[in-house]
Amino acid sequence: MKLWEIRLYKLKIIKNDEVVFEGMAEELPEDLKNEDSKAIVLDNGEAVVNI
């Protein structure tokens, strides 16, 4: 799933064990929108996405 497909969620994006973005899906930076997710876990109302 491409990251731009995720809507209305609070996200935590992790790449190489480092948090690269935290915030609402609608605020996702352009450079991350076409990244593919490897795993998505819902944790306390937040989608934790590994890319």
C-alpha atoms as a PDB file:
ATOM      1  CA  MET A   1       0.000   0.000   0.000  1.00  0.00           C
ATOM      2  CA  LYS A   2       1.316   3.436  -0.909  1.00  0.00           C
ATOM      3  CA  LEU A   3       1.388   5.924   1.951  1.00  0.00           C
ATOM      4  CA  TRP A   4      -0.766   8.455   0.056  1.00  0.00           C
ATOM      5  CA  GLU A   5      -3.617   5.901   0.213  1.00  0.00           C
ATOM      6  CA  ILE A   6      -3.878   6.206   4.005  1.00  0.00           C
ATOM      7  CA  ARG A   7      -6.437   8.798   5.128  1.00  0.00           C
ATOM      8  CA  LEU A   8      -7.781  10.165   8.411  1.00  0.00           C
ATOM      9  CA  TYR A   9      -5.148   8.515  10.601  1.00  0.00           C
ATOM     10  CA  LYS A  10      -2.482   9.763  12.899  1.00  0.00           C
ATOM     11  CA  LEU A  11       0.725   8.232  11.520  1.00  0.00           C
ATOM     12  CA  LYS A  12       4.142   7.338  12.767  1.00  0.00           C
ATOM     13  CA  ILE A  13       6.387   6.480   9.793  1.00  0.00           C
ATOM     14  CA  ILE A  14       9.518   4.463  10.563  1.00  0.00           C
ATOM     15  CA  LYS A  15      12.356   3.911   8.085  1.00  0.00           C
ATOM     16  CA  ASN A  16      15.512   1.997   9.039  1.00  0.00           C
ATOM     17  CA  ASP A  17      14.455   1.992  12.732  1.00  0.00           C
ATOM     18  CA  GLU A  18      14.205   5.811  12.726  1.00  0.00           C
ATOM     19  CA  VAL A  19      10.990   7.850  12.963  1.00  0.00           C
ATOM     20  CA  VAL A  20      10.868  10.003   9.809  1.00  0.00           C
ATOM     21  CA  PHE A  21       7.355  11.448  10.241  1.00  0.00           C
ATOM     22  CA  GLU A  22       4.741  11.814  12.976  1.00  0.00           C
ATOM     23  CA  GLY A  23       1.440  13.523  12.330  1.00  0.00           C
ATOM     24  CA  MET A  24      -1.826  13.328  10.443  1.00  0.00           C
ATOM     25  CA  ALA A  25      -1.943  11.457   7.133  1.00  0.00           C
ATOM     26  CA  GLU A  26      -3.129  14.605   5.341  1.00  0.00           C
ATOM     27  CA  GLU A  27       0.125  16.366   6.386  1.00  0.00           C
ATOM     28  CA  LEU A  28       2.386  13.658   4.896  1.00  0.00           C
ATOM     29  CA  PRO A  29       5.339  15.237   3.044  1.00  0.00           C
ATOM     30  CA  GLU A  30       5.436  14.790  -0.733  1.00  0.00           C
ATOM     31  CA  ASP A  31       8.705  12.828  -0.602  1.00  0.00           C
ATOM     32  CA  LEU A  32       7.044  10.078   1.478  1.00  0.00           C
ATOM     33  CA  LYS A  33       3.726   9.762  -0.354  1.00  0.00           C
ATOM     34  CA  ASN A  34       4.911   7.186  -2.909  1.00  0.00           C
ATOM     35  CA  GLU A  35       6.759   4.987  -0.414  1.00  0.00           C
ATOM     36  CA  ASP A  36       5.444   1.439  -0.018  1.00  0.00           C
ATOM     37  CA  SER A  37       4.571   0.181   3.437  1.00  0.00           C
ATOM     38  CA  LYS A  38       6.202  -3.034   4.654  1.00  0.00           C
ATOM     39  CA  ALA A  39       4.077  -3.361   7.798  1.00  0.00           C
ATOM     40  CA  ILE A  40       1.288  -1.381   9.451  1.00  0.00           C
ATOM     41  CA  VAL A  41       0.311  -1.808  13.099  1.00  0.00           C
ATOM     42  CA  LEU A  42      -2.450   0.091  14.887  1.00  0.00           C
ATOM     43  CA  ASP A  43      -1.272   1.252  18.315  1.00  0.00           C
ATOM     44  CA  ASN A  44      -3.522   3.390  20.544  1.00  0.00           C
ATOM     45  CA  GLY A  45      -5.292   5.081  17.629  1.00  0.00           C
ATOM     46  CA  GLU A  46      -2.085   5.652  15.670  1.00  0.00           C
ATOM     47  CA  ALA A  47      -0.963   3.741  12.585  1.00  0.00           C
ATOM     48  CA  VAL A  48       2.708   2.774  12.955  1.00  0.00           C
ATOM     49  CA  VAL A  49       4.043   2.190   9.443  1.00  0.00           C
ATOM     50  CA  ASN A  50       7.378   0.602   8.572  1.00  0.00           C
ATOM     51  CA  ILE A  51       8.728   1.522   5.154  1.00  0.00           C
END
